[in-house]
Amino acid sequence: MSFMRSLKFIQQCYVKHPLISNMATVSFLYASGDISQQTIKGVDKYNWANTGRITLLTGSLFGPFYTAWYPFLERVFPGRSARAVLKKIACDQGIAGGILLMVFYVGLSVLERKENVFEEAKQKWPKTFLTGCVFWPTVQSVNFFYVPTYLRTVYVACWSFLWTNILCYLKSTPADDLKDKLHVPESIASLGGMTVNKEKEQ
């Protein structure tokens, strides 16, 4: 099978079977991002259980969500005008971004069988959300201006490889260490239940 025929076949998979194709792509790229983050950290032994949890969570929830989300945004804010794109970016980051980050932390805590499944989300959601506000708007501006609707989940999933490295770093770093490395205003931190250590700031 030639390269062009292979490319056309893959394209048809996303057109005819978007849900399955997106679930497979999202789970693969998030898993790759987790493995990449562990490699960068130089771990002695890979945590395959953690990779499996991330693969299960993102493939089963993120893939279907984005499959429905991007066509929905296109119906609500049709076209590629600057105004329409800005509205899509605002909704994507303000609504989808915030919800999926909460699902990420709470969902993994459930799979890890933690006693308090909301604790990590309370501590890390504000920091992660602010990081996403820096990372995703530029990525999504290209997405909404130039990428066809049926390929937007794939485009986002590709960038999610890098984003997963950031997420896995934030998730594996203790909340107290994150407060030292990245400054979060006290007013924002309080929304997520974080307690800013005044002594460390002085």
N, C-alpha and C. Protein backbone atom coordinates (compact mmCIF):
# COMPACT_ATOMS: atom_id res chain seq x y z
N MET A 1 0.85 -1.20 0.00
CA MET A 1 0.00 0.00 0.00
C MET A 1 0.89 1.25 0.00
N SER A 2 0.68 2.13 -0.99
CA SER A 2 1.49 3.33 -1.10
C SER A 2 1.20 4.28 0.05
N PHE A 3 2.10 5.26 0.22
CA PHE A 3 1.94 6.23 1.31
C PHE A 3 0.64 7.01 1.15
N MET A 4 0.34 7.47 -0.06
CA MET A 4 -0.87 8.26 -0.29
C MET A 4 -2.12 7.44 -0.05
N ARG A 5 -2.10 6.17 -0.45
CA ARG A 5 -3.25 5.31 -0.21
C ARG A 5 -3.43 5.06 1.29
N SER A 6 -2.30 4.91 1.98
CA SER A 6 -2.37 4.71 3.44
C SER A 6 -2.94 5.95 4.11
N LEU A 7 -2.49 7.11 3.65
CA LEU A 7 -2.98 8.37 4.21
C LEU A 7 -4.47 8.53 3.96
N LYS A 8 -4.91 8.18 2.76
CA LYS A 8 -6.33 8.27 2.43
C LYS A 8 -7.15 7.29 3.27
N PHE A 9 -6.60 6.10 3.49
CA PHE A 9 -7.29 5.10 4.32
C PHE A 9 -7.47 5.62 5.75
N ILE A 10 -6.40 6.19 6.30
CA ILE A 10 -6.48 6.74 7.66
C ILE A 10 -7.50 7.86 7.73
N GLN A 11 -7.48 8.73 6.71
CA GLN A 11 -8.44 9.83 6.66
C GLN A 11 -9.87 9.31 6.64
N GLN A 12 -10.12 8.27 5.86
CA GLN A 12 -11.46 7.70 5.79
C GLN A 12 -11.89 7.08 7.11
N CYS A 13 -10.93 6.54 7.86
CA CYS A 13 -11.26 5.98 9.18
C CYS A 13 -11.81 7.06 10.09
N TYR A 14 -11.20 8.25 10.05
CA TYR A 14 -11.66 9.34 10.90
C TYR A 14 -12.99 9.91 10.43
N VAL A 15 -13.26 9.80 9.13
CA VAL A 15 -14.53 10.30 8.60
C VAL A 15 -15.66 9.31 8.89
N LYS A 16 -15.41 8.01 8.64
CA LYS A 16 -16.46 7.00 8.77
C LYS A 16 -16.60 6.45 10.19
N HIS A 17 -15.50 6.40 10.91
CA HIS A 17 -15.53 5.83 12.27
C HIS A 17 -14.83 6.78 13.24
N PRO A 18 -15.36 7.99 13.41
CA PRO A 18 -14.66 9.00 14.22
C PRO A 18 -14.49 8.61 15.68
N LEU A 19 -15.49 7.97 16.27
CA LEU A 19 -15.42 7.66 17.69
C LEU A 19 -14.28 6.68 17.99
N ILE A 20 -14.28 5.55 17.28
CA ILE A 20 -13.25 4.53 17.52
C ILE A 20 -11.86 5.08 17.17
N SER A 21 -11.77 5.80 16.06
CA SER A 21 -10.47 6.34 15.64
C SER A 21 -9.94 7.34 16.65
N ASN A 22 -10.82 8.22 17.14
CA ASN A 22 -10.39 9.22 18.11
C ASN A 22 -10.02 8.59 19.45
N MET A 23 -10.78 7.60 19.88
CA MET A 23 -10.46 6.92 21.14
C MET A 23 -9.09 6.26 21.06
N ALA A 24 -8.82 5.60 19.94
CA ALA A 24 -7.52 4.93 19.77
C ALA A 24 -6.38 5.93 19.73
N THR A 25 -6.59 7.03 18.99
CA THR A 25 -5.53 8.03 18.86
C THR A 25 -5.24 8.72 20.18
N VAL A 26 -6.29 9.13 20.88
CA VAL A 26 -6.12 9.84 22.15
C VAL A 26 -5.42 8.95 23.18
N SER A 27 -5.89 7.71 23.31
CA SER A 27 -5.30 6.81 24.31
C SER A 27 -3.83 6.53 23.99
N PHE A 28 -3.51 6.33 22.71
CA PHE A 28 -2.13 6.05 22.32
C PHE A 28 -1.21 7.22 22.62
N LEU A 29 -1.64 8.44 22.27
CA LEU A 29 -0.78 9.60 22.44
C LEU A 29 -0.63 9.99 23.91
N TYR A 30 -1.70 9.83 24.69
CA TYR A 30 -1.57 10.11 26.13
C TYR A 30 -0.66 9.08 26.79
N ALA A 31 -0.79 7.83 26.40
CA ALA A 31 0.10 6.80 26.94
C ALA A 31 1.55 7.08 26.56
N SER A 32 1.76 7.49 25.32
CA SER A 32 3.12 7.83 24.87
C SER A 32 3.67 9.00 25.66
N GLY A 33 2.81 9.98 25.95
CA GLY A 33 3.24 11.12 26.74
C GLY A 33 3.66 10.73 28.14
N ASP A 34 2.92 9.81 28.75
CA ASP A 34 3.27 9.35 30.09
C ASP A 34 4.60 8.61 30.09
N ILE A 35 4.79 7.74 29.10
CA ILE A 35 6.06 7.01 28.99
C ILE A 35 7.21 7.98 28.75
N SER A 36 6.96 8.99 27.91
CA SER A 36 7.98 10.00 27.64
C SER A 36 8.37 10.74 28.92
N GLN A 37 7.38 11.12 29.72
CA GLN A 37 7.66 11.83 30.97
C GLN A 37 8.47 10.98 31.93
N GLN A 38 8.14 9.69 32.01
CA GLN A 38 8.92 8.79 32.87
C GLN A 38 10.35 8.64 32.36
N THR A 39 10.51 8.62 31.04
CA THR A 39 11.84 8.52 30.45
C THR A 39 12.67 9.76 30.76
N ILE A 40 12.05 10.93 30.62
CA ILE A 40 12.74 12.19 30.91
C ILE A 40 13.19 12.24 32.37
N LYS A 41 12.34 11.72 33.26
CA LYS A 41 12.69 11.71 34.68
C LYS A 41 13.78 10.70 35.01
N GLY A 42 14.02 9.75 34.10
CA GLY A 42 15.06 8.76 34.32
C GLY A 42 14.70 7.74 35.38
N VAL A 43 13.46 7.28 35.37
CA VAL A 43 13.03 6.31 36.38
C VAL A 43 13.77 4.99 36.19
N ASP A 44 14.00 4.30 37.30
CA ASP A 44 14.67 3.00 37.24
C ASP A 44 13.75 1.92 36.67
N LYS A 45 12.46 2.04 36.97
CA LYS A 45 11.48 1.07 36.50
C LYS A 45 10.22 1.80 36.07
N TYR A 46 9.77 1.53 34.86
CA TYR A 46 8.58 2.21 34.35
C TYR A 46 7.33 1.79 35.13
N ASN A 47 6.50 2.77 35.39
CA ASN A 47 5.23 2.52 36.09
C ASN A 47 4.16 2.22 35.05
N TRP A 48 4.11 0.97 34.61
CA TRP A 48 3.17 0.60 33.55
C TRP A 48 1.73 0.65 34.03
N ALA A 49 1.53 0.47 35.33
CA ALA A 49 0.17 0.57 35.86
C ALA A 49 -0.36 1.98 35.70
N ASN A 50 0.49 2.98 35.94
CA ASN A 50 0.07 4.37 35.76
C ASN A 50 -0.22 4.67 34.30
N THR A 51 0.63 4.16 33.41
CA THR A 51 0.39 4.33 31.97
C THR A 51 -0.93 3.70 31.56
N GLY A 52 -1.22 2.53 32.11
CA GLY A 52 -2.48 1.86 31.80
C GLY A 52 -3.68 2.65 32.28
N ARG A 53 -3.57 3.24 33.46
CA ARG A 53 -4.69 4.05 33.99
C ARG A 53 -4.93 5.27 33.12
N ILE A 54 -3.86 5.93 32.71
CA ILE A 54 -4.01 7.10 31.85
C ILE A 54 -4.59 6.71 30.50
N THR A 55 -4.14 5.58 29.95
CA THR A 55 -4.67 5.09 28.68
C THR A 55 -6.17 4.81 28.78
N LEU A 56 -6.57 4.14 29.84
CA LEU A 56 -7.99 3.81 30.03
C LEU A 56 -8.84 5.06 30.20
N LEU A 57 -8.38 5.98 31.04
CA LEU A 57 -9.16 7.18 31.33
C LEU A 57 -9.32 8.06 30.10
N THR A 58 -8.22 8.36 29.44
CA THR A 58 -8.27 9.29 28.31
C THR A 58 -8.96 8.67 27.10
N GLY A 59 -8.70 7.39 26.84
CA GLY A 59 -9.33 6.74 25.70
C GLY A 59 -10.83 6.62 25.85
N SER A 60 -11.27 6.25 27.05
CA SER A 60 -12.71 6.00 27.26
C SER A 60 -13.52 7.27 27.50
N LEU A 61 -12.88 8.33 28.01
CA LEU A 61 -13.62 9.56 28.32
C LEU A 61 -13.24 10.74 27.43
N PHE A 62 -11.95 11.01 27.29
CA PHE A 62 -11.53 12.17 26.51
C PHE A 62 -11.84 11.99 25.03
N GLY A 63 -11.56 10.78 24.50
CA GLY A 63 -11.82 10.53 23.08
C GLY A 63 -13.26 10.77 22.69
N PRO A 64 -14.23 10.15 23.37
CA PRO A 64 -15.64 10.39 23.05
C PRO A 64 -16.07 11.84 23.28
N PHE A 65 -15.53 12.46 24.34
CA PHE A 65 -15.90 13.85 24.62
C PHE A 65 -15.52 14.75 23.46
N TYR A 66 -14.27 14.66 23.01
CA TYR A 66 -13.81 15.53 21.93
C TYR A 66 -14.48 15.21 20.60
N THR A 67 -14.84 13.95 20.40
CA THR A 67 -15.54 13.57 19.17
C THR A 67 -16.85 14.32 19.04
N ALA A 68 -17.53 14.54 20.16
CA ALA A 68 -18.79 15.29 20.16
C ALA A 68 -18.57 16.79 20.33
N TRP A 69 -17.51 17.17 21.05
CA TRP A 69 -17.31 18.56 21.43
C TRP A 69 -17.00 19.47 20.25
N TYR A 70 -16.09 19.06 19.37
CA TYR A 70 -15.68 19.94 18.28
C TYR A 70 -16.78 20.16 17.24
N PRO A 71 -17.53 19.14 16.85
CA PRO A 71 -18.69 19.41 15.98
C PRO A 71 -19.71 20.32 16.66
N PHE A 72 -19.89 20.16 17.97
CA PHE A 72 -20.82 21.03 18.72
C PHE A 72 -20.36 22.49 18.66
N LEU A 73 -19.08 22.74 18.90
CA LEU A 73 -18.56 24.10 18.82
C LEU A 73 -18.74 24.69 17.43
N GLU A 74 -18.55 23.84 16.42
CA GLU A 74 -18.68 24.32 15.04
C GLU A 74 -20.13 24.69 14.72
N ARG A 75 -21.07 23.96 15.30
CA ARG A 75 -22.49 24.30 15.09
C ARG A 75 -22.87 25.58 15.81
N VAL A 76 -22.36 25.76 17.01
CA VAL A 76 -22.71 26.94 17.81
C VAL A 76 -22.02 28.19 17.28
N PHE A 77 -20.74 28.06 16.90
CA PHE A 77 -19.97 29.19 16.38
C PHE A 77 -19.40 28.82 15.01
N PRO A 78 -20.24 28.79 13.98
CA PRO A 78 -19.79 28.34 12.66
C PRO A 78 -18.81 29.32 12.02
N GLY A 79 -17.97 28.77 11.15
CA GLY A 79 -17.06 29.61 10.38
C GLY A 79 -15.69 29.76 11.02
N ARG A 80 -14.83 30.51 10.31
CA ARG A 80 -13.45 30.69 10.75
C ARG A 80 -13.08 32.16 10.87
N SER A 81 -14.07 32.99 11.11
CA SER A 81 -13.79 34.40 11.35
C SER A 81 -13.07 34.54 12.69
N ALA A 82 -12.40 35.67 12.87
CA ALA A 82 -11.66 35.90 14.11
C ALA A 82 -12.60 35.84 15.32
N ARG A 83 -13.79 36.40 15.17
CA ARG A 83 -14.74 36.40 16.29
C ARG A 83 -15.17 34.98 16.64
N ALA A 84 -15.50 34.19 15.61
CA ALA A 84 -15.94 32.81 15.85
C ALA A 84 -14.83 31.99 16.50
N VAL A 85 -13.61 32.16 16.01
CA VAL A 85 -12.48 31.39 16.56
C VAL A 85 -12.21 31.78 18.01
N LEU A 86 -12.28 33.07 18.32
CA LEU A 86 -12.06 33.51 19.70
C LEU A 86 -13.12 32.94 20.64
N LYS A 87 -14.36 32.86 20.17
CA LYS A 87 -15.43 32.29 20.99
C LYS A 87 -15.18 30.79 21.22
N LYS A 88 -14.74 30.10 20.17
CA LYS A 88 -14.44 28.67 20.31
C LYS A 88 -13.30 28.44 21.30
N ILE A 89 -12.26 29.26 21.20
CA ILE A 89 -11.12 29.12 22.11
C ILE A 89 -11.55 29.37 23.55
N ALA A 90 -12.36 30.42 23.76
CA ALA A 90 -12.82 30.75 25.11
C ALA A 90 -13.65 29.62 25.70
N CYS A 91 -14.56 29.06 24.90
CA CYS A 91 -15.40 27.96 25.38
C CYS A 91 -14.57 26.70 25.61
N ASP A 92 -13.64 26.45 24.69
CA ASP A 92 -12.84 25.23 24.81
C ASP A 92 -11.99 25.25 26.07
N GLN A 93 -11.32 26.38 26.31
CA GLN A 93 -10.45 26.44 27.48
C GLN A 93 -11.25 26.64 28.77
N GLY A 94 -12.25 27.51 28.70
CA GLY A 94 -13.00 27.84 29.91
C GLY A 94 -13.93 26.74 30.38
N ILE A 95 -14.51 25.99 29.43
CA ILE A 95 -15.47 24.94 29.79
C ILE A 95 -14.82 23.56 29.71
N ALA A 96 -14.44 23.17 28.49
CA ALA A 96 -13.89 21.82 28.31
C ALA A 96 -12.59 21.63 29.07
N GLY A 97 -11.71 22.63 28.99
CA GLY A 97 -10.42 22.50 29.66
C GLY A 97 -10.56 22.29 31.16
N GLY A 98 -11.39 23.11 31.77
CA GLY A 98 -11.57 23.00 33.22
C GLY A 98 -12.21 21.69 33.63
N ILE A 99 -13.22 21.26 32.89
CA ILE A 99 -13.91 20.01 33.22
C ILE A 99 -12.99 18.81 33.05
N LEU A 100 -12.27 18.75 31.93
CA LEU A 100 -11.43 17.59 31.67
C LEU A 100 -10.25 17.49 32.63
N LEU A 101 -9.74 18.63 33.07
CA LEU A 101 -8.68 18.58 34.07
C LEU A 101 -9.18 17.99 35.38
N MET A 102 -10.40 18.37 35.75
CA MET A 102 -10.99 17.80 36.97
C MET A 102 -11.21 16.30 36.79
N VAL A 103 -11.69 15.91 35.62
CA VAL A 103 -11.89 14.48 35.33
C VAL A 103 -10.56 13.74 35.38
N PHE A 104 -9.51 14.37 34.87
CA PHE A 104 -8.19 13.74 34.86
C PHE A 104 -7.72 13.43 36.28
N TYR A 105 -7.76 14.41 37.15
CA TYR A 105 -7.27 14.20 38.51
C TYR A 105 -8.18 13.29 39.32
N VAL A 106 -9.48 13.55 39.27
CA VAL A 106 -10.42 12.74 40.05
C VAL A 106 -10.48 11.32 39.50
N GLY A 107 -10.53 11.20 38.17
CA GLY A 107 -10.61 9.87 37.55
C GLY A 107 -9.41 9.00 37.88
N LEU A 108 -8.21 9.58 37.81
CA LEU A 108 -7.02 8.80 38.14
C LEU A 108 -6.97 8.47 39.62
N SER A 109 -7.46 9.38 40.46
CA SER A 109 -7.50 9.08 41.90
C SER A 109 -8.44 7.91 42.18
N VAL A 110 -9.56 7.85 41.44
CA VAL A 110 -10.49 6.72 41.58
C VAL A 110 -9.80 5.42 41.16
N LEU A 111 -9.12 5.46 40.01
CA LEU A 111 -8.43 4.26 39.53
C LEU A 111 -7.27 3.86 40.43
N GLU A 112 -6.68 4.84 41.11
CA GLU A 112 -5.61 4.55 42.06
C GLU A 112 -6.15 4.13 43.42
N ARG A 113 -7.47 4.17 43.57
CA ARG A 113 -8.16 3.77 44.80
C ARG A 113 -7.72 4.60 46.00
N LYS A 114 -7.59 5.88 45.77
CA LYS A 114 -7.25 6.77 46.87
C LYS A 114 -8.45 6.96 47.77
N GLU A 115 -8.20 7.21 49.03
CA GLU A 115 -9.29 7.37 50.00
C GLU A 115 -10.08 8.64 49.72
N ASN A 116 -9.39 9.74 49.44
CA ASN A 116 -10.04 11.00 49.11
C ASN A 116 -9.74 11.31 47.65
N VAL A 117 -10.70 11.03 46.79
CA VAL A 117 -10.45 11.15 45.35
C VAL A 117 -10.45 12.59 44.87
N PHE A 118 -10.86 13.53 45.71
CA PHE A 118 -10.91 14.94 45.31
C PHE A 118 -9.71 15.74 45.82
N GLU A 119 -8.92 15.17 46.70
CA GLU A 119 -7.85 15.92 47.35
C GLU A 119 -6.81 16.43 46.35
N GLU A 120 -6.34 15.56 45.48
CA GLU A 120 -5.32 15.98 44.51
C GLU A 120 -5.86 17.03 43.56
N ALA A 121 -7.11 16.88 43.14
CA ALA A 121 -7.72 17.87 42.26
C ALA A 121 -7.79 19.23 42.95
N LYS A 122 -8.14 19.25 44.23
CA LYS A 122 -8.20 20.50 44.98
C LYS A 122 -6.84 21.19 45.02
N GLN A 123 -5.80 20.39 45.20
CA GLN A 123 -4.46 20.94 45.34
C GLN A 123 -3.86 21.40 44.01
N LYS A 124 -4.15 20.68 42.93
CA LYS A 124 -3.41 20.90 41.69
C LYS A 124 -4.22 21.49 40.54
N TRP A 125 -5.56 21.45 40.64
CA TRP A 125 -6.36 21.95 39.53
C TRP A 125 -6.06 23.41 39.18
N PRO A 126 -5.99 24.34 40.15
CA PRO A 126 -5.75 25.74 39.78
C PRO A 126 -4.44 25.93 39.03
N LYS A 127 -3.38 25.30 39.51
CA LYS A 127 -2.08 25.41 38.86
C LYS A 127 -2.11 24.85 37.44
N THR A 128 -2.72 23.70 37.30
CA THR A 128 -2.78 23.05 35.99
C THR A 128 -3.65 23.84 35.02
N PHE A 129 -4.76 24.38 35.51
CA PHE A 129 -5.65 25.16 34.65
C PHE A 129 -4.93 26.40 34.13
N LEU A 130 -4.20 27.10 34.99
CA LEU A 130 -3.46 28.28 34.56
C LEU A 130 -2.39 27.92 33.54
N THR A 131 -1.74 26.79 33.74
CA THR A 131 -0.74 26.32 32.77
C THR A 131 -1.40 26.05 31.42
N GLY A 132 -2.60 25.44 31.45
CA GLY A 132 -3.34 25.18 30.22
C GLY A 132 -3.75 26.46 29.51
N CYS A 133 -4.03 27.51 30.28
CA CYS A 133 -4.42 28.80 29.69
C CYS A 133 -3.26 29.43 28.91
N VAL A 134 -2.04 29.05 29.25
CA VAL A 134 -0.88 29.52 28.51
C VAL A 134 -0.63 28.62 27.29
N PHE A 135 -0.83 27.32 27.47
CA PHE A 135 -0.47 26.35 26.44
C PHE A 135 -1.50 26.26 25.31
N TRP A 136 -2.78 26.11 25.65
CA TRP A 136 -3.78 25.69 24.67
C TRP A 136 -4.33 26.78 23.73
N PRO A 137 -4.50 28.04 24.14
CA PRO A 137 -5.09 29.00 23.21
C PRO A 137 -4.36 29.14 21.88
N THR A 138 -3.02 29.15 21.91
CA THR A 138 -2.27 29.24 20.65
C THR A 138 -2.48 27.99 19.80
N VAL A 139 -2.43 26.83 20.45
CA VAL A 139 -2.66 25.57 19.74
C VAL A 139 -4.04 25.56 19.10
N GLN A 140 -5.04 25.99 19.86
CA GLN A 140 -6.41 25.93 19.37
C GLN A 140 -6.71 26.99 18.33
N SER A 141 -5.98 28.09 18.33
CA SER A 141 -6.20 29.09 17.28
C SER A 141 -5.88 28.51 15.92
N VAL A 142 -4.80 27.73 15.83
CA VAL A 142 -4.46 27.04 14.58
C VAL A 142 -5.52 25.99 14.27
N ASN A 143 -5.95 25.27 15.29
CA ASN A 143 -6.96 24.23 15.13
C ASN A 143 -8.24 24.78 14.51
N PHE A 144 -8.76 25.85 15.08
CA PHE A 144 -10.06 26.37 14.64
C PHE A 144 -9.97 27.17 13.34
N PHE A 145 -8.80 27.72 13.04
CA PHE A 145 -8.65 28.46 11.79
C PHE A 145 -8.42 27.54 10.59
N TYR A 146 -7.64 26.47 10.76
CA TYR A 146 -7.13 25.73 9.61
C TYR A 146 -7.49 24.25 9.55
N VAL A 147 -7.78 23.62 10.68
CA VAL A 147 -7.96 22.16 10.69
C VAL A 147 -9.42 21.79 10.44
N PRO A 148 -9.71 20.84 9.53
CA PRO A 148 -11.09 20.39 9.33
C PRO A 148 -11.68 19.83 10.61
N THR A 149 -12.99 19.97 10.77
CA THR A 149 -13.65 19.56 12.02
C THR A 149 -13.37 18.11 12.37
N TYR A 150 -13.40 17.21 11.38
CA TYR A 150 -13.27 15.79 11.67
C TYR A 150 -11.85 15.40 12.08
N LEU A 151 -10.88 16.30 11.85
CA LEU A 151 -9.50 16.02 12.24
C LEU A 151 -9.06 16.80 13.48
N ARG A 152 -9.97 17.56 14.07
CA ARG A 152 -9.56 18.40 15.20
C ARG A 152 -9.19 17.60 16.43
N THR A 153 -9.87 16.49 16.65
CA THR A 153 -9.50 15.65 17.80
C THR A 153 -8.10 15.07 17.61
N VAL A 154 -7.77 14.68 16.39
CA VAL A 154 -6.44 14.14 16.10
C VAL A 154 -5.38 15.22 16.31
N TYR A 155 -5.66 16.42 15.82
CA TYR A 155 -4.72 17.53 15.99
C TYR A 155 -4.47 17.81 17.47
N VAL A 156 -5.55 17.87 18.24
CA VAL A 156 -5.42 18.11 19.68
C VAL A 156 -4.68 16.96 20.36
N ALA A 157 -4.98 15.73 19.94
CA ALA A 157 -4.32 14.57 20.52
C ALA A 157 -2.82 14.61 20.29
N CYS A 158 -2.40 15.08 19.12
CA CYS A 158 -0.96 15.18 18.83
C CYS A 158 -0.29 16.17 19.78
N TRP A 159 -0.92 17.31 19.97
CA TRP A 159 -0.38 18.28 20.93
C TRP A 159 -0.50 17.77 22.36
N SER A 160 -1.46 16.88 22.58
CA SER A 160 -1.63 16.32 23.92
C SER A 160 -0.45 15.46 24.33
N PHE A 161 0.34 15.00 23.35
CA PHE A 161 1.57 14.28 23.70
C PHE A 161 2.47 15.17 24.55
N LEU A 162 2.62 16.43 24.12
CA LEU A 162 3.41 17.37 24.91
C LEU A 162 2.68 17.76 26.19
N TRP A 163 1.37 18.00 26.06
CA TRP A 163 0.57 18.39 27.23
C TRP A 163 0.57 17.28 28.29
N THR A 164 0.56 16.03 27.85
CA THR A 164 0.59 14.93 28.81
C THR A 164 1.88 14.92 29.61
N ASN A 165 2.99 15.28 28.96
CA ASN A 165 4.24 15.40 29.69
C ASN A 165 4.12 16.44 30.81
N ILE A 166 3.44 17.55 30.49
CA ILE A 166 3.22 18.59 31.50
C ILE A 166 2.29 18.07 32.59
N LEU A 167 1.18 17.44 32.18
CA LEU A 167 0.21 16.93 33.15
C LEU A 167 0.83 15.90 34.08
N CYS A 168 1.58 14.97 33.50
CA CYS A 168 2.18 13.91 34.31
C CYS A 168 3.23 14.47 35.25
N TYR A 169 3.93 15.51 34.80
CA TYR A 169 4.88 16.17 35.69
C TYR A 169 4.14 16.82 36.86
N LEU A 170 3.06 17.54 36.57
CA LEU A 170 2.30 18.20 37.63
C LEU A 170 1.67 17.18 38.56
N LYS A 171 1.19 16.06 37.98
CA LYS A 171 0.53 15.06 38.82
C LYS A 171 1.52 14.36 39.74
N SER A 172 2.71 14.10 39.25
CA SER A 172 3.68 13.34 40.04
C SER A 172 4.46 14.21 41.02
N THR A 173 4.32 15.54 40.88
CA THR A 173 5.03 16.46 41.78
C THR A 173 4.16 16.79 42.97
N PRO A 174 4.67 16.67 44.19
CA PRO A 174 3.88 17.03 45.38
C PRO A 174 3.37 18.46 45.30
N ALA A 175 2.17 18.69 45.82
CA ALA A 175 1.53 20.00 45.73
C ALA A 175 2.39 21.09 46.36
N ASP A 176 3.06 20.80 47.47
CA ASP A 176 3.90 21.80 48.12
C ASP A 176 5.06 22.22 47.23
N ASP A 177 5.62 21.28 46.48
CA ASP A 177 6.71 21.61 45.56
C ASP A 177 6.21 22.47 44.41
N LEU A 178 4.99 22.23 43.95
CA LEU A 178 4.44 23.03 42.87
C LEU A 178 4.27 24.48 43.31
N LYS A 179 3.90 24.70 44.56
CA LYS A 179 3.73 26.06 45.06
C LYS A 179 5.04 26.82 45.02
N ASP A 180 6.14 26.11 45.24
CA ASP A 180 7.45 26.75 45.21
C ASP A 180 7.89 27.07 43.79
N LYS A 181 7.57 26.16 42.85
CA LYS A 181 8.09 26.29 41.49
C LYS A 181 7.26 27.21 40.61
N LEU A 182 5.95 27.23 40.81
CA LEU A 182 5.06 28.05 40.00
C LEU A 182 4.18 28.87 40.93
N HIS A 183 4.19 30.19 40.74
CA HIS A 183 3.41 31.05 41.63
C HIS A 183 1.95 31.06 41.21
N VAL A 184 1.08 30.83 42.15
CA VAL A 184 -0.36 30.95 41.92
C VAL A 184 -0.90 32.00 42.87
N PRO A 185 -1.59 33.03 42.36
CA PRO A 185 -2.16 34.03 43.25
C PRO A 185 -3.04 33.39 44.30
N GLU A 186 -3.01 33.93 45.53
CA GLU A 186 -3.75 33.33 46.63
C GLU A 186 -5.24 33.26 46.34
N SER A 187 -5.78 34.29 45.64
CA SER A 187 -7.22 34.31 45.36
C SER A 187 -7.63 33.17 44.46
N ILE A 188 -6.75 32.81 43.50
CA ILE A 188 -7.04 31.70 42.60
C ILE A 188 -6.81 30.38 43.30
N ALA A 189 -5.73 30.30 44.07
CA ALA A 189 -5.43 29.06 44.78
C ALA A 189 -6.54 28.68 45.73
N SER A 190 -7.17 29.68 46.34
CA SER A 190 -8.22 29.40 47.31
C SER A 190 -9.43 28.75 46.67
N LEU A 191 -9.63 28.99 45.35
CA LEU A 191 -10.76 28.38 44.65
C LEU A 191 -10.62 26.87 44.61
N GLY A 192 -9.38 26.40 44.56
CA GLY A 192 -9.15 24.96 44.49
C GLY A 192 -8.81 24.35 45.83
N GLY A 193 -8.92 25.13 46.90
CA GLY A 193 -8.65 24.59 48.22
C GLY A 193 -7.18 24.54 48.56
N MET A 194 -6.33 25.24 47.77
CA MET A 194 -4.90 25.25 48.06
C MET A 194 -4.62 26.26 49.16
N THR A 195 -3.66 25.95 50.00
CA THR A 195 -3.24 26.86 51.05
C THR A 195 -1.85 27.36 50.73
N VAL A 196 -1.72 28.66 50.53
CA VAL A 196 -0.43 29.23 50.18
C VAL A 196 0.40 29.37 51.43
N ASN A 197 1.62 28.87 51.39
CA ASN A 197 2.52 28.92 52.53
C ASN A 197 3.22 30.26 52.54
N LYS A 198 2.80 31.13 53.44
CA LYS A 198 3.34 32.47 53.49
C LYS A 198 4.83 32.47 53.84
N GLU A 199 5.25 31.53 54.69
CA GLU A 199 6.63 31.51 55.12
C GLU A 199 7.56 31.26 53.95
N LYS A 200 7.10 30.42 52.98
CA LYS A 200 7.94 30.11 51.83
C LYS A 200 8.04 31.29 50.88
N GLU A 201 7.01 32.14 50.88
CA GLU A 201 7.03 33.27 49.96
C GLU A 201 7.92 34.39 50.47
N GLN A 202 8.18 34.44 51.78
CA GLN A 202 8.96 35.52 52.37
C GLN A 202 10.46 35.27 52.21
